[in-house]
């Protein structure tokens, strides 16, 4: 978990151009780790005490032995011994549920726990992987062929596109012919054929200008829908990956120049992403989702220009909503296999990818980046409200709430000065701890501690940044009624409120005592500072 805070610190440093926040991220991670270890120790002690209640060794009085017949030896099976042992603690036996059924296929058991690298490696592993790798190389070769065949042979663009289309249909026919003999191989060939047709359609419109945009859009929809139908009918992820992957890289492979209308490029990528959204509605194919996400946010921004900012913002919001919906659909379908599982790559990379583009495009707009981060926080908050009735998506809801809180936190320093930021972060930290205790979320709780710690660090920096005046030089009428005293009191009350929350949960816990010390420390500092600024030495001696 420390790495998450380091990444957040780096991103925050880039936003406000202050590398000291990288150190703050490291310190935040260390604080988080200390509190996590403290909580783990408390949980371990509590479990030990619970177990001790069920283990009672009471001495049994010896009775006079009576002569009895020799007992018959009975065989005690291992199952009976285990059942007797489990009766010691019947409350906790529910924790020993088996996660995967023994009758479940091994591939299905491990499919939902693989990392993205493992999925990609498995996709190109073995004999099938060699065929798929050959398919990728074939697409690249065809794209180069379309651009270089004209100097070698006197072929018109129409003849060139017709020949490539025939090659695509030939692969489709070969795949159909082999589907009864080698199904997996046939599906791979079908995917190659669909990818070639998408590449050819794109080149015929954008590169050679042989067809109108109506025909190009209709052809893309037909090929995409046909590929989706075949992949769902045959339950074939490789077919979907090859077909849509070819569609995503078609603009790059065909060498289309930047002068092509950005609206058409955006519409083309929108169609492909809608196909992926439709697939996510019926299938939980994580590799396909990640392929679409990476391809979209890496490739299509290459056509951005400052004069296209309005269209860029509209498409950015559209892609954000599409992939937010995809993550929710994926989490909902994965409940059958792994309760509480979310696609962490898209869930957490999506907002940061969007904000990365916003940082570049909104540089000249006053408060533009602050508005963007606040808008993202608001969207995630609304998403959390929409997901509230769904009881089976607890992990997804917590992830959405966490992202909303993170971007709301980022918005504050982009709008307010450091002192106001520290005050608001202290309040936000106290609310985060309250919410984390209520939802039993460790990340939310310790994020609140980190926020209060950073707020205190910023407050000290702002209070002592400038040379304080001599004792009593400030007008007495401003005592207590000033922003410095108010900010210090907010930090004090946030710490004392946190201490009170832990006092309700645990009697004199580490968090309770440490936050009480933190709160009273800020209270003491606020009083001493007011005396230093507004009371002269003569007044002190008189009183």
Protein backbone atom coordinates (compact mmCIF):
# COMPACT_ATOMS: atom_id res chain seq x y z
CA UNK A 1 0.00 0.00 0.00
CA UNK A 2 2.94 2.34 0.45
CA UNK A 3 3.43 2.31 -3.33
CA UNK A 4 -0.05 3.77 -3.86
CA UNK A 5 0.81 6.73 -1.66
CA UNK A 6 4.15 7.22 -3.42
CA UNK A 7 2.35 7.34 -6.80
CA UNK A 8 -0.21 9.79 -5.42
CA UNK A 9 2.64 11.94 -4.09
CA UNK A 10 4.35 11.94 -7.50
CA UNK A 11 1.11 12.89 -9.28
CA UNK A 12 0.46 15.64 -6.77
CA UNK A 13 4.02 16.92 -7.23
CA UNK A 14 3.49 17.12 -10.98
CA UNK A 15 0.24 19.00 -10.52
CA UNK A 16 1.54 21.72 -8.19
CA UNK A 17 5.17 21.53 -9.39
CA UNK A 18 6.63 20.84 -5.94
CA UNK A 19 8.80 17.73 -5.58
CA UNK A 20 8.50 17.79 -1.78
CA UNK A 21 5.21 15.96 -2.14
CA UNK A 22 7.08 12.83 -3.24
CA UNK A 23 8.59 12.75 0.26
CA UNK A 24 5.13 13.37 1.64
CA UNK A 25 3.85 10.35 -0.26
CA UNK A 26 6.58 8.15 1.22
CA UNK A 27 5.84 9.40 4.74
CA UNK A 28 2.12 8.87 4.17
CA UNK A 29 2.78 5.29 3.12
CA UNK A 30 4.93 4.66 6.19
CA UNK A 31 2.26 6.12 8.49
CA UNK A 32 -0.34 3.97 6.79
CA UNK A 33 1.83 0.85 7.24
CA UNK A 34 2.38 1.57 10.96
CA UNK A 35 -1.33 1.93 11.60
CA UNK A 36 -2.06 -1.22 9.57
CA UNK A 37 0.42 -3.22 11.65
CA UNK A 38 -1.07 -1.80 14.84
CA UNK A 39 -4.57 -2.83 13.76
CA UNK A 40 -3.34 -6.30 12.72
CA UNK A 41 -1.81 -6.80 16.18
CA UNK A 42 -5.05 -5.74 17.85
CA UNK A 43 -7.04 -8.16 15.68
CA UNK A 44 -4.60 -10.98 16.48
CA UNK A 45 -4.90 -10.33 20.24
CA UNK A 46 -8.69 -10.25 19.97
CA UNK A 47 -8.78 -13.58 18.12
CA UNK A 48 -6.44 -15.15 20.69
CA UNK A 49 -8.77 -14.03 23.51
CA UNK A 50 -11.77 -15.48 21.65
CA UNK A 51 -9.99 -18.79 21.15
CA UNK A 52 -9.04 -18.96 24.83
CA UNK A 53 -12.73 -18.87 25.77
CA UNK A 54 -13.27 -22.19 24.02
CA UNK A 55 -10.25 -23.97 25.53
CA UNK A 56 -11.01 -24.76 29.18
CA UNK A 57 -8.85 -27.27 31.04
CA UNK A 58 -10.82 -28.18 34.17
CA UNK A 59 -9.35 -30.89 36.48
CA UNK A 60 -11.45 -34.04 36.74
CA UNK A 61 -11.66 -35.85 40.08
CA UNK A 62 -10.33 -39.38 40.03
CA UNK A 63 -12.96 -42.00 40.63
CA UNK A 64 -12.35 -45.45 41.92
CA UNK A 65 -11.67 -47.78 39.12
CA UNK A 66 -14.14 -50.58 38.74
CA UNK A 67 -13.24 -53.76 37.00
CA UNK A 68 -14.82 -53.62 33.64
CA UNK A 69 -14.53 -55.58 30.51
CA UNK A 70 -11.75 -54.62 28.17
CA UNK A 71 -12.96 -51.91 25.83
CA UNK A 72 -13.40 -52.78 22.24
CA UNK A 73 -11.02 -51.04 19.90
CA UNK A 74 -12.83 -48.94 17.38
CA UNK A 75 -11.30 -47.34 14.37
CA UNK A 76 -11.56 -43.55 14.45
CA UNK A 77 -11.50 -42.03 11.04
CA UNK A 78 -9.74 -38.81 10.19
CA UNK A 79 -13.09 -37.23 9.33
CA UNK A 80 -14.48 -37.88 12.84
CA UNK A 81 -11.33 -36.45 14.43
CA UNK A 82 -11.63 -33.32 12.30
CA UNK A 83 -15.31 -32.90 13.15
CA UNK A 84 -14.55 -33.14 16.88
CA UNK A 85 -11.78 -30.60 16.55
CA UNK A 86 -14.03 -28.19 14.70
CA UNK A 87 -16.56 -28.30 17.54
CA UNK A 88 -14.06 -26.39 19.69
CA UNK A 89 -14.85 -23.17 17.85
CA UNK A 90 -18.16 -23.49 15.98
CA UNK A 91 -18.43 -19.75 15.43
CA UNK A 92 -15.41 -19.50 13.15
CA UNK A 93 -15.91 -22.64 11.11
CA UNK A 94 -17.64 -20.58 8.43
CA UNK A 95 -14.29 -19.04 7.55
CA UNK A 96 -13.08 -22.41 6.28
CA UNK A 97 -15.31 -22.43 3.19
CA UNK A 98 -13.71 -23.77 0.07
CA UNK A 99 -13.46 -21.08 -2.56
CA UNK A 100 -13.37 -23.24 -5.69
CA UNK A 101 -15.37 -26.34 -6.38
CA UNK A 102 -13.29 -29.44 -7.11
CA UNK A 103 -15.43 -30.06 -10.16
CA UNK A 104 -14.66 -26.63 -11.56
CA UNK A 105 -12.13 -26.67 -14.40
CA UNK A 106 -8.65 -25.47 -13.51
CA UNK A 107 -8.72 -22.85 -16.24
CA UNK A 108 -11.96 -21.42 -14.87
CA UNK A 109 -10.63 -21.40 -11.31
CA UNK A 110 -7.49 -19.46 -12.19
CA UNK A 111 -8.93 -17.29 -14.94
CA UNK A 112 -10.20 -14.63 -12.58
CA UNK A 113 -6.99 -14.30 -10.55
CA UNK A 114 -4.48 -13.81 -13.38
CA UNK A 115 -2.64 -10.53 -13.73
CA UNK A 116 -2.75 -8.61 -17.00
CA UNK A 117 0.79 -9.74 -17.86
CA UNK A 118 -0.19 -13.39 -17.29
CA UNK A 119 -3.25 -13.00 -19.51
CA UNK A 120 -1.18 -11.47 -22.29
CA UNK A 121 1.52 -14.14 -21.90
CA UNK A 122 -1.05 -16.95 -21.99
CA UNK A 123 -2.63 -15.41 -25.08
CA UNK A 124 0.62 -15.84 -27.04
CA UNK A 125 1.75 -19.09 -25.36
CA UNK A 126 1.85 -22.52 -26.99
CA UNK A 127 0.88 -23.58 -30.50
CA UNK A 128 -2.19 -21.33 -30.54
CA UNK A 129 -0.06 -18.41 -29.39
CA UNK A 130 2.28 -18.84 -32.35
CA UNK A 131 -0.71 -18.65 -34.69
CA UNK A 132 -1.97 -15.49 -32.92
CA UNK A 133 1.46 -13.88 -33.07
CA UNK A 134 1.58 -14.71 -36.76
CA UNK A 135 -1.81 -13.02 -37.14
CA UNK A 136 -0.48 -9.80 -35.62
CA UNK A 137 2.58 -9.87 -37.88
CA UNK A 138 0.34 -10.58 -40.88
CA UNK A 139 -1.74 -7.47 -40.17
CA UNK A 140 1.39 -5.34 -39.94
CA UNK A 141 2.67 -6.85 -43.19
CA UNK A 142 -0.60 -6.15 -45.01
CA UNK A 143 -0.55 -2.52 -43.85
CA UNK A 144 2.97 -2.06 -45.24
CA UNK A 145 1.92 -3.85 -48.43
CA UNK A 146 -0.93 -1.39 -48.97
CA UNK A 147 1.49 1.55 -48.70
CA UNK A 148 4.40 0.16 -50.74
CA UNK A 149 2.87 -2.01 -53.46
CA UNK A 150 2.07 0.93 -55.77
CA UNK A 151 5.72 1.73 -56.71
CA UNK A 152 6.32 -1.96 -57.51
CA UNK A 153 3.16 -2.70 -59.48
CA UNK A 154 0.86 -0.45 -61.46
CA UNK A 155 -2.20 -1.06 -59.27
CA UNK A 156 -4.86 1.54 -58.65
CA UNK A 157 -6.02 2.16 -55.06
CA UNK A 158 -9.34 0.49 -55.88
CA UNK A 159 -7.59 -2.68 -57.11
CA UNK A 160 -5.37 -2.64 -54.04
CA UNK A 161 -8.33 -2.41 -51.62
CA UNK A 162 -10.25 -5.05 -53.58
CA UNK A 163 -7.33 -7.47 -53.34
CA UNK A 164 -6.97 -6.93 -49.59
CA UNK A 165 -10.73 -7.39 -49.13
CA UNK A 166 -10.55 -10.69 -51.05
CA UNK A 167 -7.75 -11.80 -48.70
CA UNK A 168 -9.95 -10.97 -45.70
CA UNK A 169 -12.88 -12.94 -47.11
CA UNK A 170 -10.51 -15.81 -47.93
CA UNK A 171 -9.48 -16.02 -44.26
CA UNK A 172 -13.16 -15.95 -43.25
CA UNK A 173 -13.94 -18.77 -45.69
CA UNK A 174 -10.96 -20.81 -44.50
CA UNK A 175 -12.04 -20.36 -40.91
CA UNK A 176 -15.58 -21.48 -41.74
CA UNK A 177 -14.25 -24.54 -43.58
CA UNK A 178 -12.03 -25.59 -40.65
CA UNK A 179 -14.54 -24.94 -37.84
CA UNK A 180 -15.58 -28.60 -37.69
CA UNK A 181 -12.00 -29.95 -37.66
CA UNK A 182 -9.84 -27.43 -35.78
CA UNK A 183 -12.21 -25.05 -33.99
CA UNK A 184 -9.62 -22.91 -32.18
CA UNK A 185 -7.46 -22.57 -35.28
CA UNK A 186 -10.55 -21.75 -37.35
CA UNK A 187 -11.60 -19.00 -34.93
CA UNK A 188 -8.12 -17.46 -35.08
CA UNK A 189 -8.29 -17.37 -38.89
CA UNK A 190 -11.75 -15.80 -38.66
CA UNK A 191 -10.35 -13.10 -36.36
CA UNK A 192 -7.57 -12.41 -38.86
CA UNK A 193 -10.13 -12.04 -41.64
CA UNK A 194 -12.26 -9.59 -39.63
CA UNK A 195 -9.20 -7.53 -38.67
CA UNK A 196 -8.14 -7.35 -42.34
CA UNK A 197 -11.62 -6.15 -43.34
CA UNK A 198 -11.56 -3.43 -40.66
CA UNK A 199 -8.10 -2.34 -41.79
CA UNK A 200 -9.23 -2.32 -45.42
CA UNK A 201 -12.39 -0.33 -44.66
CA UNK A 202 -10.43 2.25 -42.73
CA UNK A 203 -7.80 2.61 -45.47
CA UNK A 204 -10.40 2.82 -48.24
CA UNK A 205 -12.03 5.81 -46.55
CA UNK A 206 -9.25 7.67 -44.75
CA UNK A 207 -6.20 6.82 -46.86
CA UNK A 208 -7.51 6.40 -50.42
CA UNK A 209 -10.88 8.24 -50.10
CA UNK A 210 -12.64 5.59 -52.19
CA UNK A 211 -15.85 5.40 -50.13
CA UNK A 212 -18.01 7.90 -48.25
CA UNK A 213 -18.19 8.15 -44.49
CA UNK A 214 -21.69 6.59 -44.46
CA UNK A 215 -20.35 3.44 -46.14
CA UNK A 216 -17.29 3.41 -43.87
CA UNK A 217 -19.36 3.68 -40.68
CA UNK A 218 -21.84 1.07 -41.89
CA UNK A 219 -19.04 -1.32 -42.87
CA UNK A 220 -17.30 -0.87 -39.51
CA UNK A 221 -20.56 -1.56 -37.66
CA UNK A 222 -21.31 -4.66 -39.74
CA UNK A 223 -17.82 -6.13 -39.33
CA UNK A 224 -17.76 -5.31 -35.60
CA UNK A 225 -21.24 -6.73 -35.00
CA UNK A 226 -20.41 -9.86 -36.99
CA UNK A 227 -17.19 -10.38 -35.03
CA UNK A 228 -19.04 -9.82 -31.75
CA UNK A 229 -21.71 -12.33 -32.78
CA UNK A 230 -19.14 -15.00 -33.70
CA UNK A 231 -17.04 -14.47 -30.57
CA UNK A 232 -20.09 -14.71 -28.29
CA UNK A 233 -21.54 -17.66 -30.16
CA UNK A 234 -18.28 -19.61 -29.91
CA UNK A 235 -17.28 -18.13 -26.52
CA UNK A 236 -13.95 -17.15 -28.10
CA UNK A 237 -11.97 -14.33 -26.51
CA UNK A 238 -9.07 -14.63 -29.05
CA UNK A 239 -11.48 -14.01 -31.92
CA UNK A 240 -12.73 -10.80 -30.30
CA UNK A 241 -9.19 -9.65 -29.43
CA UNK A 242 -7.85 -10.21 -32.95
CA UNK A 243 -10.82 -8.60 -34.69
CA UNK A 244 -11.13 -5.50 -32.50
CA UNK A 245 -7.37 -5.23 -31.99
CA UNK A 246 -6.95 -4.95 -35.74
CA UNK A 247 -9.61 -2.25 -35.78
CA UNK A 248 -7.86 -0.21 -33.09
CA UNK A 249 -4.44 -0.25 -34.74
CA UNK A 250 -5.81 0.31 -38.26
CA UNK A 251 -5.34 4.13 -38.11
CA UNK A 252 -1.68 3.69 -37.13
CA UNK A 253 -0.89 0.86 -39.54
CA UNK A 254 -2.49 2.56 -42.53
CA UNK A 255 -0.35 5.66 -41.97
CA UNK A 256 -3.19 8.17 -41.95
CA UNK A 257 -1.90 11.72 -41.54
CA UNK A 258 -2.95 14.06 -38.77
CA UNK A 259 -4.78 16.33 -41.23
CA UNK A 260 -7.69 13.85 -41.35
CA UNK A 261 -10.75 15.26 -39.58
CA UNK A 262 -10.49 14.61 -35.86
CA UNK A 263 -14.27 14.20 -35.62
CA UNK A 264 -14.14 11.20 -37.95
CA UNK A 265 -11.28 9.64 -35.99
CA UNK A 266 -13.18 10.16 -32.74
CA UNK A 267 -16.33 8.64 -34.25
CA UNK A 268 -14.36 5.62 -35.48
CA UNK A 269 -12.91 4.91 -32.01
CA UNK A 270 -16.31 5.53 -30.45
CA UNK A 271 -17.84 2.78 -32.60
CA UNK A 272 -15.15 0.30 -31.57
CA UNK A 273 -15.60 1.15 -27.89
CA UNK A 274 -19.36 0.73 -28.16
CA UNK A 275 -18.73 -2.78 -29.50
CA UNK A 276 -16.56 -3.50 -26.43
CA UNK A 277 -19.28 -2.08 -24.17
CA UNK A 278 -21.81 -4.38 -25.81
CA UNK A 279 -19.48 -7.33 -25.26
CA UNK A 280 -18.97 -6.38 -21.60
CA UNK A 281 -22.74 -6.48 -21.13
CA UNK A 282 -22.79 -10.23 -21.80
CA UNK A 283 -19.18 -11.38 -21.16
CA UNK A 284 -16.52 -10.64 -18.54
CA UNK A 285 -13.54 -10.61 -20.92
CA UNK A 286 -10.99 -8.58 -19.02
CA UNK A 287 -8.25 -8.81 -21.67
CA UNK A 288 -10.57 -7.32 -24.29
CA UNK A 289 -11.55 -4.49 -21.92
CA UNK A 290 -7.91 -3.67 -21.17
CA UNK A 291 -7.02 -3.83 -24.89
CA UNK A 292 -9.74 -1.32 -25.71
CA UNK A 293 -8.81 0.95 -22.80
CA UNK A 294 -5.09 1.10 -23.63
CA UNK A 295 -5.67 1.43 -27.38
CA UNK A 296 -8.18 4.24 -26.92
CA UNK A 297 -6.20 6.36 -24.49
CA UNK A 298 -2.85 5.81 -26.23
CA UNK A 299 -3.78 6.08 -29.92
CA UNK A 300 -6.64 8.51 -30.54
CA UNK A 301 -5.15 11.54 -28.68
CA UNK A 302 -2.49 11.69 -31.42
CA UNK A 303 -5.07 13.54 -33.54
CA UNK A 304 -5.62 16.22 -30.91
CA UNK A 305 -4.90 19.86 -31.74
CA UNK A 306 -5.61 22.97 -29.61
CA UNK A 307 -8.41 24.04 -31.96
CA UNK A 308 -10.14 20.69 -31.30
CA UNK A 309 -10.39 21.17 -27.52
CA UNK A 310 -14.21 21.19 -27.41
CA UNK A 311 -14.46 17.92 -29.34
CA UNK A 312 -11.63 16.48 -27.25
CA UNK A 313 -13.46 17.26 -24.00
CA UNK A 314 -16.69 15.73 -25.30
CA UNK A 315 -15.01 12.51 -26.44
CA UNK A 316 -12.93 12.30 -23.27
CA UNK A 317 -16.10 12.42 -21.18
CA UNK A 318 -17.76 9.85 -23.45
CA UNK A 319 -14.85 7.40 -23.20
CA UNK A 320 -14.70 7.95 -19.44
CA UNK A 321 -18.38 7.03 -19.05
CA UNK A 322 -18.02 4.01 -21.36
CA UNK A 323 -15.14 2.48 -19.40
CA UNK A 324 -16.71 3.36 -16.05
CA UNK A 325 -19.76 1.37 -17.19
CA UNK A 326 -17.48 -1.47 -18.36
CA UNK A 327 -15.81 -1.72 -14.92
CA UNK A 328 -19.22 -1.85 -13.21
CA UNK A 329 -20.48 -4.54 -15.60
CA UNK A 330 -17.29 -6.55 -15.09
CA UNK A 331 -17.58 -6.35 -11.29
CA UNK A 332 -21.22 -7.42 -11.46
CA UNK A 333 -20.44 -10.48 -13.57
CA UNK A 334 -17.39 -11.50 -11.52
CA UNK A 335 -19.53 -11.92 -8.38
CA UNK A 336 -20.33 -15.46 -9.52
CA UNK A 337 -16.62 -16.38 -9.50
CA UNK A 338 -15.02 -14.09 -6.94
CA UNK A 339 -17.12 -12.00 -4.56
CA UNK A 340 -16.00 -8.39 -4.37
CA UNK A 341 -13.57 -8.53 -7.32
CA UNK A 342 -13.00 -5.42 -9.48
CA UNK A 343 -10.76 -4.74 -12.45
CA UNK A 344 -8.22 -2.64 -10.59
CA UNK A 345 -6.29 -1.65 -13.75
CA UNK A 346 -9.15 0.12 -15.52
CA UNK A 347 -10.91 1.22 -12.31
CA UNK A 348 -7.93 3.17 -10.97
CA UNK A 349 -6.06 3.98 -14.21
CA UNK A 350 -9.11 5.47 -15.95
CA UNK A 351 -9.44 8.72 -13.93
CA UNK A 352 -5.69 9.34 -13.87
CA UNK A 353 -5.46 8.79 -17.65
CA UNK A 354 -8.29 11.28 -18.18
CA UNK A 355 -6.71 13.83 -15.84
CA UNK A 356 -3.36 13.40 -17.60
CA UNK A 357 -4.94 14.62 -20.85
CA UNK A 358 -6.81 17.36 -19.02
CA UNK A 359 -3.54 18.63 -17.56
CA UNK A 360 -2.13 19.09 -21.07
CA UNK A 361 -5.26 20.53 -22.68
CA UNK A 362 -6.37 22.93 -19.91
CA UNK A 363 -3.03 24.61 -19.19
CA UNK A 364 -4.16 28.00 -20.47
CA UNK A 365 -7.59 27.92 -18.83
CA UNK A 366 -7.86 29.59 -15.42
CA UNK A 367 -9.05 27.07 -12.82
CA UNK A 368 -9.63 24.66 -15.72
CA UNK A 369 -7.77 21.79 -14.11
CA UNK A 370 -9.45 22.45 -10.76
CA UNK A 371 -12.84 22.31 -12.47
CA UNK A 372 -11.89 19.03 -14.20
CA UNK A 373 -10.76 17.31 -10.97
CA UNK A 374 -13.86 18.53 -9.15
CA UNK A 375 -16.08 17.30 -11.98
CA UNK A 376 -14.46 13.84 -11.89
CA UNK A 377 -14.97 13.72 -8.10
CA UNK A 378 -18.63 14.66 -8.60
CA UNK A 379 -19.12 11.96 -11.26
CA UNK A 380 -17.70 9.30 -8.95
CA UNK A 381 -19.88 10.53 -6.08
CA UNK A 382 -22.98 10.26 -8.31
CA UNK A 383 -21.86 6.78 -9.40
CA UNK A 384 -21.59 5.74 -5.74
CA UNK A 385 -25.16 6.93 -5.17
CA UNK A 386 -26.40 4.97 -8.20
CA UNK A 387 -24.62 1.82 -6.95
CA UNK A 388 -25.98 2.16 -3.40
CA UNK A 389 -29.02 -0.14 -3.94
CA UNK A 390 -26.75 -2.92 -5.29
CA UNK A 391 -25.69 -4.80 -2.15
CA UNK A 392 -23.42 -7.22 -4.04
CA UNK A 393 -21.01 -4.54 -5.31
CA UNK A 394 -19.47 -3.43 -2.01
CA UNK A 395 -15.88 -3.42 -3.26
CA UNK A 396 -16.81 -1.48 -6.39
CA UNK A 397 -18.73 1.07 -4.33
CA UNK A 398 -15.81 1.53 -1.96
CA UNK A 399 -13.44 1.98 -4.90
CA UNK A 400 -15.70 4.63 -6.43
CA UNK A 401 -16.04 6.45 -3.09
CA UNK A 402 -12.26 6.36 -2.61
CA UNK A 403 -11.67 7.84 -6.08
CA UNK A 404 -14.24 10.53 -5.43
CA UNK A 405 -12.46 11.43 -2.20
CA UNK A 406 -9.02 11.42 -3.85
CA UNK A 407 -10.04 13.81 -6.63
CA UNK A 408 -11.97 16.03 -4.23
CA UNK A 409 -8.74 16.20 -2.21
CA UNK A 410 -6.78 17.14 -5.35
CA UNK A 411 -9.28 19.89 -6.15
CA UNK A 412 -8.85 21.75 -2.85
CA UNK A 413 -5.23 22.99 -3.28
CA UNK A 414 -5.96 23.97 -6.89
CA UNK A 415 -8.60 26.43 -5.68
CA UNK A 416 -7.55 27.50 -2.17
CA UNK A 417 -4.33 28.81 -0.62
CA UNK A 418 -2.15 26.51 1.57
CA UNK A 419 -3.71 27.57 4.88
CA UNK A 420 -7.27 27.07 3.66
CA UNK A 421 -6.19 23.78 2.08
CA UNK A 422 -4.77 22.46 5.35
CA UNK A 423 -8.00 23.42 7.16
CA UNK A 424 -10.22 21.65 4.64
CA UNK A 425 -7.95 18.60 4.52
CA UNK A 426 -8.11 18.27 8.31
CA UNK A 427 -11.92 18.25 8.14
CA UNK A 428 -11.85 15.80 5.23
CA UNK A 429 -9.48 13.54 7.16
CA UNK A 430 -11.81 13.43 10.17
CA UNK A 431 -14.79 12.62 7.93
CA UNK A 432 -12.76 9.91 6.14
CA UNK A 433 -11.89 8.26 9.48
CA UNK A 434 -15.54 8.37 10.55
CA UNK A 435 -16.60 6.82 7.23
CA UNK A 436 -13.82 4.20 7.38
CA UNK A 437 -14.83 3.11 10.89
CA UNK A 438 -18.45 2.91 9.84
CA UNK A 439 -17.73 0.87 6.71
CA UNK A 440 -14.79 -1.05 8.24
CA UNK A 441 -12.54 0.19 5.41
CA UNK A 442 -8.85 0.28 6.37
CA UNK A 443 -7.85 2.35 3.34
CA UNK A 444 -10.42 5.05 4.09
CA UNK A 445 -9.47 5.18 7.78
CA UNK A 446 -5.75 5.53 7.25
CA UNK A 447 -6.24 7.93 4.37
CA UNK A 448 -7.93 10.15 6.95
CA UNK A 449 -4.91 9.89 9.26
CA UNK A 450 -2.58 10.75 6.37
CA UNK A 451 -4.71 13.75 5.39
CA UNK A 452 -4.65 15.10 8.94
CA UNK A 453 -0.88 14.60 9.10
CA UNK A 454 -0.33 16.47 5.81
CA UNK A 455 -2.73 19.19 6.95
CA UNK A 456 -0.67 19.68 10.12
CA UNK A 457 2.57 19.82 8.12
CA UNK A 458 1.11 22.45 5.77
CA UNK A 459 -0.29 24.46 8.67
CA UNK A 460 3.10 24.68 10.39
CA UNK A 461 4.66 25.76 7.11
CA UNK A 462 2.14 28.56 6.57
CA UNK A 463 2.16 29.83 10.17
CA UNK A 464 5.94 30.12 10.45
CA UNK A 465 6.73 31.00 6.85
CA UNK A 466 6.75 34.70 7.64
CA UNK A 467 8.52 36.42 10.57
CA UNK A 468 6.15 36.73 13.47
CA UNK A 469 5.76 40.23 14.98
CA UNK A 470 6.95 41.00 18.46
CA UNK A 471 4.75 40.31 21.45
CA UNK A 472 1.65 42.44 21.64
CA UNK A 473 2.14 44.26 18.33
CA UNK A 474 -1.14 42.96 16.87
CA UNK A 475 -4.37 44.80 17.84
CA UNK A 476 -6.15 43.11 20.74
CA UNK A 477 -9.50 43.38 18.95
CA UNK A 478 -8.29 40.78 16.43
CA UNK A 479 -7.48 38.19 19.09
CA UNK A 480 -9.31 34.91 18.48
CA UNK A 481 -11.21 36.55 15.57
CA UNK A 482 -8.59 35.73 12.93
CA UNK A 483 -8.07 33.06 10.29
CA UNK A 484 -4.96 31.62 11.95
CA UNK A 485 -6.74 30.84 15.21
CA UNK A 486 -9.73 29.43 13.33
CA UNK A 487 -7.50 27.12 11.25
CA UNK A 488 -5.63 25.86 14.32
CA UNK A 489 -8.91 25.20 16.14
CA UNK A 490 -10.20 23.19 13.17
CA UNK A 491 -7.07 20.99 13.27
CA UNK A 492 -7.50 20.59 17.03
CA UNK A 493 -11.20 19.68 16.79
CA UNK A 494 -10.52 17.24 13.92
CA UNK A 495 -7.94 15.41 16.04
CA UNK A 496 -10.16 15.35 19.15
CA UNK A 497 -13.14 14.16 17.10
CA UNK A 498 -11.01 11.31 15.73
CA UNK A 499 -9.92 10.41 19.26
CA UNK A 500 -13.57 10.35 20.33
CA UNK A 501 -14.46 8.02 17.44
CA UNK A 502 -11.78 5.51 18.49
CA UNK A 503 -12.76 5.90 22.16
CA UNK A 504 -16.20 4.57 21.23
CA UNK A 505 -14.70 1.57 19.41
CA UNK A 506 -11.68 0.67 21.56
CA UNK A 507 -10.90 1.63 25.14
CA UNK A 508 -7.67 3.65 25.21
CA UNK A 509 -6.34 2.34 21.92
CA UNK A 510 -3.17 3.62 20.26
CA UNK A 511 -5.20 5.69 17.81
CA UNK A 512 -7.36 7.12 20.59
CA UNK A 513 -4.41 8.30 22.70
CA UNK A 514 -2.28 9.53 19.79
CA UNK A 515 -5.09 11.58 18.23
CA UNK A 516 -6.03 13.03 21.62
CA UNK A 517 -2.42 14.16 22.01
CA UNK A 518 -2.53 15.54 18.45
CA UNK A 519 -5.73 17.51 19.10
CA UNK A 520 -4.66 18.96 22.45
CA UNK A 521 -1.28 19.85 20.94
CA UNK A 522 -2.92 22.04 18.29
CA UNK A 523 -5.19 23.55 20.94
CA UNK A 524 -2.16 24.44 23.08
CA UNK A 525 -0.36 25.93 20.05
CA UNK A 526 -3.37 28.07 19.14
CA UNK A 527 -3.66 29.52 22.66
CA UNK A 528 0.07 30.16 23.00
CA UNK A 529 0.19 31.83 19.59
CA UNK A 530 -2.70 34.15 20.42
CA UNK A 531 -0.97 35.19 23.64
CA UNK A 532 2.32 35.76 21.80
CA UNK A 533 0.69 37.96 19.17
CA UNK A 534 -1.94 39.93 21.04
CA UNK A 535 -0.82 40.22 24.68
CA UNK A 536 2.13 42.42 25.75
CA UNK A 537 4.54 41.40 28.54
CA UNK A 538 3.16 44.25 30.71
CA UNK A 539 -0.39 42.93 30.38
CA UNK A 540 0.81 39.46 31.33
CA UNK A 541 2.53 40.79 34.47
CA UNK A 542 -0.53 42.88 35.41
CA UNK A 543 -2.92 39.95 35.03
